[in-house]
């Protein structure tokens, strides 16, 4: 979790304790924080892309899923379907294109479970997406 996100979360918790906002769940608090956050700049996204590529290299899987439970939005990345010379680089690039097509990218952080927590603003509402390894859920016959 980024330092700015931790500070925002601490401020939200403080506001919840003083009664200035509903405590709700951690997810609700994050959603309120993301409502006011500005989209990441292209420079920031450029710095994140190699980290996502490293993640795709690290998982050494064929499949990854991008999931937003609230929107029932599921996308599966099949890394080694085509004969790309560098599937993780292609997947990282395609992920960013995919996210930009959905909305404004507010935040991208690798969590403790080695999955990406990604916040997008779509039609002025924040939504959380997760990108995680998905090989265990695919059965090829």
N, C-alpha and C. Protein backbone atom coordinates (compact mmCIF):
# COMPACT_ATOMS: atom_id res chain seq x y z
N UNK A 1 0.86 -1.17 0.00
CA UNK A 1 0.00 0.00 0.00
C UNK A 1 0.90 1.23 0.00
N UNK A 2 0.56 2.20 -0.83
CA UNK A 2 1.40 3.39 -0.95
C UNK A 2 1.27 4.26 0.29
N UNK A 3 2.28 5.09 0.52
CA UNK A 3 2.32 5.96 1.69
C UNK A 3 1.15 6.94 1.69
N UNK A 4 0.82 7.51 0.53
CA UNK A 4 -0.29 8.46 0.46
C UNK A 4 -1.62 7.77 0.78
N UNK A 5 -1.76 6.51 0.34
CA UNK A 5 -2.99 5.78 0.62
C UNK A 5 -3.12 5.48 2.11
N UNK A 6 -1.99 5.17 2.77
CA UNK A 6 -2.00 4.92 4.21
C UNK A 6 -2.42 6.18 4.96
N UNK A 7 -1.88 7.32 4.55
CA UNK A 7 -2.23 8.59 5.19
C UNK A 7 -3.71 8.89 4.99
N UNK A 8 -4.21 8.70 3.78
CA UNK A 8 -5.63 8.93 3.51
C UNK A 8 -6.49 8.01 4.35
N UNK A 9 -6.08 6.76 4.50
CA UNK A 9 -6.83 5.80 5.29
C UNK A 9 -6.84 6.21 6.76
N UNK A 10 -5.70 6.67 7.27
CA UNK A 10 -5.64 7.13 8.66
C UNK A 10 -6.56 8.32 8.88
N UNK A 11 -6.59 9.25 7.92
CA UNK A 11 -7.47 10.41 8.02
C UNK A 11 -8.94 9.99 7.99
N UNK A 12 -9.25 9.00 7.16
CA UNK A 12 -10.62 8.52 7.09
C UNK A 12 -11.04 7.85 8.40
N UNK A 13 -10.12 7.08 9.00
CA UNK A 13 -10.43 6.45 10.29
C UNK A 13 -10.65 7.50 11.37
N UNK A 14 -9.81 8.54 11.34
CA UNK A 14 -9.96 9.63 12.31
C UNK A 14 -11.31 10.32 12.14
N UNK A 15 -11.71 10.57 10.90
CA UNK A 15 -13.00 11.19 10.62
C UNK A 15 -14.14 10.29 11.07
N UNK A 16 -13.98 8.98 10.90
CA UNK A 16 -15.02 8.05 11.32
C UNK A 16 -15.19 8.07 12.83
N UNK A 17 -14.08 8.18 13.56
CA UNK A 17 -14.14 8.20 15.02
C UNK A 17 -14.80 9.48 15.54
N UNK A 18 -14.61 10.58 14.84
CA UNK A 18 -15.19 11.85 15.30
C UNK A 18 -16.63 12.02 14.84
N UNK A 19 -17.15 11.03 14.10
CA UNK A 19 -18.54 11.09 13.67
C UNK A 19 -18.76 11.87 12.39
N UNK A 20 -17.70 12.26 11.73
CA UNK A 20 -17.84 13.03 10.50
C UNK A 20 -18.12 12.15 9.30
N UNK A 21 -18.03 10.86 9.49
CA UNK A 21 -18.33 9.95 8.38
C UNK A 21 -18.71 8.60 8.96
N UNK A 22 -19.47 7.86 8.21
CA UNK A 22 -19.88 6.53 8.61
C UNK A 22 -18.66 5.60 8.62
N UNK A 23 -18.52 4.80 9.67
CA UNK A 23 -17.37 3.91 9.78
C UNK A 23 -17.38 2.86 8.67
N UNK A 24 -18.48 2.14 8.52
CA UNK A 24 -18.57 1.15 7.46
C UNK A 24 -17.43 0.16 7.49
N UNK A 25 -17.20 -0.49 6.37
CA UNK A 25 -16.11 -1.44 6.26
C UNK A 25 -14.87 -0.74 5.73
N UNK A 26 -13.76 -1.44 5.78
CA UNK A 26 -12.52 -0.91 5.21
C UNK A 26 -12.72 -0.62 3.72
N UNK A 27 -13.44 -1.51 3.05
CA UNK A 27 -13.74 -1.29 1.63
C UNK A 27 -14.53 0.01 1.43
N UNK A 28 -15.53 0.24 2.27
CA UNK A 28 -16.33 1.48 2.18
C UNK A 28 -15.46 2.71 2.41
N UNK A 29 -14.54 2.60 3.36
CA UNK A 29 -13.65 3.72 3.64
C UNK A 29 -12.74 3.98 2.44
N UNK A 30 -12.19 2.92 1.88
CA UNK A 30 -11.34 3.09 0.69
C UNK A 30 -12.13 3.70 -0.46
N UNK A 31 -13.38 3.27 -0.60
CA UNK A 31 -14.22 3.79 -1.68
C UNK A 31 -14.46 5.29 -1.50
N UNK A 32 -14.67 5.72 -0.27
CA UNK A 32 -14.85 7.15 0.01
C UNK A 32 -13.57 7.93 -0.30
N UNK A 33 -12.44 7.36 0.06
CA UNK A 33 -11.16 8.01 -0.22
C UNK A 33 -10.95 8.13 -1.73
N UNK A 34 -11.22 7.06 -2.44
CA UNK A 34 -11.00 7.05 -3.89
C UNK A 34 -11.95 7.99 -4.63
N UNK A 35 -13.08 8.28 -4.02
CA UNK A 35 -14.05 9.19 -4.66
C UNK A 35 -13.42 10.56 -4.93
N UNK A 36 -12.49 10.97 -4.06
CA UNK A 36 -11.89 12.31 -4.20
C UNK A 36 -10.50 12.27 -4.84
N UNK A 37 -10.00 11.10 -5.08
CA UNK A 37 -8.65 10.98 -5.64
C UNK A 37 -8.60 11.33 -7.12
N UNK A 38 -7.51 11.95 -7.51
CA UNK A 38 -7.31 12.29 -8.92
C UNK A 38 -6.69 11.09 -9.65
N UNK A 39 -6.99 10.97 -10.95
CA UNK A 39 -6.42 9.85 -11.73
C UNK A 39 -4.89 9.92 -11.78
N UNK A 40 -4.27 8.76 -11.92
CA UNK A 40 -2.82 8.70 -12.06
C UNK A 40 -2.42 9.34 -13.38
N UNK A 41 -1.30 10.04 -13.36
CA UNK A 41 -0.77 10.67 -14.57
C UNK A 41 -0.09 9.61 -15.43
N UNK A 42 0.07 9.90 -16.71
CA UNK A 42 0.73 8.98 -17.63
C UNK A 42 2.13 8.61 -17.15
N UNK A 43 2.83 9.57 -16.54
CA UNK A 43 4.17 9.31 -16.02
C UNK A 43 4.12 8.26 -14.91
N UNK A 44 3.13 8.37 -14.04
CA UNK A 44 2.97 7.39 -12.96
C UNK A 44 2.62 6.01 -13.53
N UNK A 45 1.75 5.99 -14.52
CA UNK A 45 1.39 4.71 -15.14
C UNK A 45 2.59 4.10 -15.85
N UNK A 46 3.42 4.94 -16.43
CA UNK A 46 4.65 4.45 -17.07
C UNK A 46 5.59 3.79 -16.08
N UNK A 47 5.60 4.30 -14.85
CA UNK A 47 6.44 3.72 -13.79
C UNK A 47 5.84 2.42 -13.25
N UNK A 48 4.53 2.28 -13.33
CA UNK A 48 3.86 1.08 -12.82
C UNK A 48 3.96 -0.07 -13.82
N UNK A 49 3.96 0.22 -15.11
CA UNK A 49 3.94 -0.84 -16.13
C UNK A 49 5.07 -1.86 -15.96
N UNK A 50 6.33 -1.44 -15.71
CA UNK A 50 7.38 -2.47 -15.50
C UNK A 50 7.14 -3.33 -14.25
N UNK A 51 6.51 -2.75 -13.23
CA UNK A 51 6.19 -3.53 -12.02
C UNK A 51 5.14 -4.59 -12.32
N UNK A 52 4.16 -4.23 -13.15
CA UNK A 52 3.13 -5.19 -13.55
C UNK A 52 3.78 -6.29 -14.41
N UNK A 53 4.67 -5.89 -15.30
CA UNK A 53 5.39 -6.87 -16.12
C UNK A 53 6.19 -7.83 -15.22
N UNK A 54 6.87 -7.29 -14.20
CA UNK A 54 7.60 -8.14 -13.26
C UNK A 54 6.66 -9.11 -12.56
N UNK A 55 5.47 -8.63 -12.22
CA UNK A 55 4.48 -9.49 -11.56
C UNK A 55 4.07 -10.63 -12.49
N UNK A 56 3.79 -10.32 -13.74
CA UNK A 56 3.44 -11.38 -14.70
C UNK A 56 4.58 -12.38 -14.84
N UNK A 57 5.83 -11.91 -14.80
CA UNK A 57 6.99 -12.81 -14.84
C UNK A 57 7.05 -13.67 -13.58
N UNK A 58 6.76 -13.06 -12.44
CA UNK A 58 6.87 -13.74 -11.15
C UNK A 58 5.84 -14.86 -11.00
N UNK A 59 4.61 -14.63 -11.47
CA UNK A 59 3.57 -15.64 -11.24
C UNK A 59 3.77 -16.89 -12.08
N UNK A 60 4.51 -16.78 -13.16
CA UNK A 60 4.83 -17.92 -14.03
C UNK A 60 3.57 -18.75 -14.33
N UNK A 61 2.48 -18.08 -14.55
CA UNK A 61 1.22 -18.75 -14.85
C UNK A 61 0.80 -18.45 -16.29
N UNK A 62 -0.15 -19.21 -16.75
CA UNK A 62 -0.69 -19.00 -18.08
C UNK A 62 -1.87 -18.04 -18.02
N UNK A 63 -2.60 -18.03 -16.91
CA UNK A 63 -3.81 -17.23 -16.79
C UNK A 63 -3.74 -16.26 -15.61
N UNK A 64 -4.33 -15.10 -15.82
CA UNK A 64 -4.54 -14.13 -14.75
C UNK A 64 -5.94 -13.57 -14.94
N UNK A 65 -6.59 -13.20 -13.83
CA UNK A 65 -7.93 -12.64 -13.94
C UNK A 65 -7.95 -11.23 -13.40
N UNK A 66 -8.68 -10.37 -14.10
CA UNK A 66 -8.99 -9.02 -13.64
C UNK A 66 -10.46 -9.06 -13.25
N UNK A 67 -10.75 -8.75 -11.99
CA UNK A 67 -12.10 -8.92 -11.45
C UNK A 67 -12.57 -7.68 -10.71
N UNK A 68 -13.78 -7.24 -11.01
CA UNK A 68 -14.47 -6.23 -10.21
C UNK A 68 -15.79 -6.87 -9.78
N UNK A 69 -15.87 -7.22 -8.51
CA UNK A 69 -17.06 -7.92 -8.01
C UNK A 69 -18.30 -7.02 -8.11
N UNK A 70 -18.17 -5.75 -7.75
CA UNK A 70 -19.33 -4.85 -7.76
C UNK A 70 -19.98 -4.74 -9.13
N UNK A 71 -19.18 -4.73 -10.18
CA UNK A 71 -19.71 -4.59 -11.54
C UNK A 71 -19.91 -5.94 -12.23
N UNK A 72 -19.54 -7.03 -11.55
CA UNK A 72 -19.58 -8.36 -12.15
C UNK A 72 -18.79 -8.35 -13.47
N UNK A 73 -17.61 -7.76 -13.40
CA UNK A 73 -16.75 -7.58 -14.57
C UNK A 73 -15.55 -8.53 -14.42
N UNK A 74 -15.45 -9.51 -15.31
CA UNK A 74 -14.40 -10.51 -15.26
C UNK A 74 -13.65 -10.53 -16.59
N UNK A 75 -12.35 -10.43 -16.54
CA UNK A 75 -11.52 -10.52 -17.74
C UNK A 75 -10.38 -11.49 -17.46
N UNK A 76 -10.17 -12.42 -18.37
CA UNK A 76 -9.08 -13.39 -18.21
C UNK A 76 -7.99 -13.08 -19.22
N UNK A 77 -6.76 -13.03 -18.73
CA UNK A 77 -5.59 -12.84 -19.57
C UNK A 77 -4.96 -14.21 -19.79
N UNK A 78 -4.79 -14.61 -21.06
CA UNK A 78 -4.14 -15.86 -21.42
C UNK A 78 -2.76 -15.49 -21.96
N UNK A 79 -1.76 -15.63 -21.13
CA UNK A 79 -0.44 -15.10 -21.45
C UNK A 79 0.28 -15.78 -22.59
N UNK A 80 0.12 -17.07 -22.73
CA UNK A 80 0.95 -17.78 -23.69
C UNK A 80 0.15 -18.34 -24.86
N UNK A 81 -0.98 -17.71 -25.16
CA UNK A 81 -1.82 -18.17 -26.27
C UNK A 81 -1.16 -17.88 -27.62
N UNK A 82 -0.65 -16.69 -27.79
CA UNK A 82 0.01 -16.31 -29.03
C UNK A 82 1.51 -16.52 -28.91
N UNK A 83 2.19 -16.41 -29.99
CA UNK A 83 3.64 -16.62 -29.97
C UNK A 83 4.38 -15.30 -29.73
N UNK A 84 3.93 -14.53 -28.76
CA UNK A 84 4.60 -13.28 -28.42
C UNK A 84 5.99 -13.57 -27.87
N UNK A 85 6.98 -12.78 -28.26
CA UNK A 85 8.33 -13.02 -27.75
C UNK A 85 8.46 -12.69 -26.26
N UNK A 86 7.58 -11.83 -25.74
CA UNK A 86 7.65 -11.45 -24.32
C UNK A 86 6.23 -11.30 -23.76
N UNK A 87 5.55 -12.42 -23.45
CA UNK A 87 4.16 -12.35 -22.99
C UNK A 87 3.93 -11.45 -21.76
N UNK A 88 4.81 -11.45 -20.75
CA UNK A 88 4.56 -10.55 -19.62
C UNK A 88 4.54 -9.07 -20.00
N UNK A 89 5.41 -8.67 -20.92
CA UNK A 89 5.43 -7.27 -21.36
C UNK A 89 4.15 -6.94 -22.12
N UNK A 90 3.73 -7.85 -22.97
CA UNK A 90 2.50 -7.65 -23.73
C UNK A 90 1.30 -7.60 -22.78
N UNK A 91 1.26 -8.50 -21.81
CA UNK A 91 0.15 -8.54 -20.85
C UNK A 91 0.09 -7.25 -20.03
N UNK A 92 1.23 -6.74 -19.59
CA UNK A 92 1.25 -5.49 -18.81
C UNK A 92 0.72 -4.33 -19.64
N UNK A 93 1.14 -4.27 -20.89
CA UNK A 93 0.67 -3.20 -21.79
C UNK A 93 -0.84 -3.34 -22.03
N UNK A 94 -1.29 -4.55 -22.30
CA UNK A 94 -2.72 -4.80 -22.56
C UNK A 94 -3.56 -4.51 -21.32
N UNK A 95 -3.03 -4.81 -20.14
CA UNK A 95 -3.76 -4.51 -18.90
C UNK A 95 -4.04 -3.01 -18.80
N UNK A 96 -3.02 -2.20 -19.01
CA UNK A 96 -3.21 -0.75 -18.90
C UNK A 96 -4.21 -0.25 -19.95
N UNK A 97 -4.15 -0.79 -21.14
CA UNK A 97 -5.12 -0.41 -22.17
C UNK A 97 -6.53 -0.80 -21.73
N UNK A 98 -6.66 -2.01 -21.21
CA UNK A 98 -7.93 -2.53 -20.74
C UNK A 98 -8.51 -1.63 -19.63
N UNK A 99 -7.67 -1.24 -18.68
CA UNK A 99 -8.12 -0.40 -17.57
C UNK A 99 -8.54 0.99 -18.06
N UNK A 100 -7.75 1.57 -18.95
CA UNK A 100 -8.08 2.90 -19.48
C UNK A 100 -9.39 2.87 -20.26
N UNK A 101 -9.67 1.76 -20.91
CA UNK A 101 -10.93 1.63 -21.64
C UNK A 101 -12.13 1.58 -20.70
N UNK A 102 -11.91 1.15 -19.47
CA UNK A 102 -13.00 1.07 -18.51
C UNK A 102 -13.25 2.40 -17.80
N UNK A 103 -12.18 3.13 -17.51
CA UNK A 103 -12.35 4.39 -16.78
C UNK A 103 -11.00 5.02 -16.46
N UNK A 104 -11.01 5.89 -15.46
CA UNK A 104 -9.79 6.57 -15.03
C UNK A 104 -9.10 5.73 -13.95
N UNK A 105 -7.80 5.54 -14.09
CA UNK A 105 -7.05 4.74 -13.12
C UNK A 105 -6.66 5.64 -11.95
N UNK A 106 -7.16 5.30 -10.77
CA UNK A 106 -6.90 6.10 -9.57
C UNK A 106 -5.72 5.58 -8.77
N UNK A 107 -5.53 4.26 -8.77
CA UNK A 107 -4.49 3.67 -7.93
C UNK A 107 -4.23 2.25 -8.38
N UNK A 108 -2.96 1.83 -8.25
CA UNK A 108 -2.56 0.44 -8.52
C UNK A 108 -1.51 0.06 -7.49
N UNK A 109 -1.84 -0.90 -6.65
CA UNK A 109 -0.92 -1.34 -5.60
C UNK A 109 -0.90 -2.86 -5.52
N UNK A 110 0.29 -3.40 -5.35
CA UNK A 110 0.45 -4.84 -5.15
C UNK A 110 0.21 -5.13 -3.67
N UNK A 111 -0.76 -6.00 -3.36
CA UNK A 111 -1.07 -6.26 -1.95
C UNK A 111 -0.25 -7.41 -1.38
N UNK A 112 -0.47 -7.69 -0.12
CA UNK A 112 0.31 -8.73 0.57
C UNK A 112 0.08 -10.13 0.01
N UNK A 113 -1.06 -10.32 -0.68
CA UNK A 113 -1.37 -11.61 -1.29
C UNK A 113 -0.80 -11.75 -2.70
N UNK A 114 0.04 -10.78 -3.10
CA UNK A 114 0.67 -10.76 -4.42
C UNK A 114 -0.38 -10.63 -5.54
N UNK A 115 -1.43 -9.89 -5.25
CA UNK A 115 -2.44 -9.54 -6.25
C UNK A 115 -2.45 -8.02 -6.37
N UNK A 116 -2.83 -7.52 -7.52
CA UNK A 116 -2.91 -6.08 -7.73
C UNK A 116 -4.28 -5.58 -7.32
N UNK A 117 -4.31 -4.57 -6.46
CA UNK A 117 -5.54 -3.86 -6.12
C UNK A 117 -5.55 -2.60 -6.97
N UNK A 118 -6.57 -2.48 -7.80
CA UNK A 118 -6.64 -1.39 -8.77
C UNK A 118 -7.96 -0.66 -8.59
N UNK A 119 -7.89 0.65 -8.41
CA UNK A 119 -9.10 1.45 -8.29
C UNK A 119 -9.30 2.26 -9.56
N UNK A 120 -10.51 2.16 -10.11
CA UNK A 120 -10.89 2.92 -11.29
C UNK A 120 -12.09 3.81 -10.96
N UNK A 121 -12.15 4.94 -11.62
CA UNK A 121 -13.35 5.77 -11.53
C UNK A 121 -14.09 5.59 -12.85
N UNK A 122 -15.32 5.09 -12.74
CA UNK A 122 -16.16 4.83 -13.90
C UNK A 122 -17.47 5.59 -13.69
N UNK A 123 -17.80 6.49 -14.60
CA UNK A 123 -19.02 7.31 -14.46
C UNK A 123 -19.06 8.00 -13.10
N UNK A 124 -17.93 8.57 -12.70
CA UNK A 124 -17.79 9.33 -11.44
C UNK A 124 -17.94 8.49 -10.18
N UNK A 125 -17.84 7.17 -10.28
CA UNK A 125 -17.91 6.30 -9.10
C UNK A 125 -16.65 5.43 -9.04
N UNK A 126 -16.06 5.27 -7.85
CA UNK A 126 -14.87 4.42 -7.73
C UNK A 126 -15.23 2.94 -7.62
N UNK A 127 -14.44 2.12 -8.30
CA UNK A 127 -14.62 0.66 -8.24
C UNK A 127 -13.26 0.00 -8.07
N UNK A 128 -13.27 -1.04 -7.25
CA UNK A 128 -12.03 -1.78 -7.01
C UNK A 128 -11.98 -3.01 -7.90
N UNK A 129 -10.86 -3.16 -8.58
CA UNK A 129 -10.56 -4.34 -9.38
C UNK A 129 -9.39 -5.07 -8.73
N UNK A 130 -9.34 -6.37 -8.92
CA UNK A 130 -8.19 -7.16 -8.49
C UNK A 130 -7.65 -7.92 -9.69
N UNK A 131 -6.35 -7.94 -9.81
CA UNK A 131 -5.67 -8.75 -10.82
C UNK A 131 -4.90 -9.82 -10.06
N UNK A 132 -5.20 -11.08 -10.35
CA UNK A 132 -4.57 -12.17 -9.59
C UNK A 132 -4.35 -13.38 -10.50
N UNK A 133 -3.46 -14.26 -10.05
CA UNK A 133 -3.16 -15.47 -10.81
C UNK A 133 -4.40 -16.35 -10.83
N UNK A 134 -4.58 -17.05 -11.96
CA UNK A 134 -5.85 -17.76 -12.15
C UNK A 134 -5.68 -19.18 -12.67
N UNK A 135 -4.48 -19.69 -12.75
CA UNK A 135 -4.26 -21.03 -13.30
C UNK A 135 -5.06 -22.10 -12.57
N UNK A 136 -5.18 -22.00 -11.27
CA UNK A 136 -5.85 -23.05 -10.50
C UNK A 136 -7.34 -23.15 -10.81
N UNK A 137 -7.91 -22.12 -11.43
CA UNK A 137 -9.35 -22.11 -11.71
C UNK A 137 -9.69 -22.53 -13.14
N UNK A 138 -8.69 -22.77 -13.96
CA UNK A 138 -8.94 -23.14 -15.35
C UNK A 138 -8.63 -24.62 -15.53
N UNK A 139 -9.58 -25.31 -16.11
CA UNK A 139 -9.40 -26.73 -16.41
C UNK A 139 -9.39 -26.87 -17.93
N UNK A 140 -8.26 -27.26 -18.46
CA UNK A 140 -8.16 -27.46 -19.91
C UNK A 140 -8.30 -28.95 -20.19
N UNK A 141 -9.17 -29.29 -21.13
CA UNK A 141 -9.43 -30.70 -21.45
C UNK A 141 -8.97 -31.02 -22.86
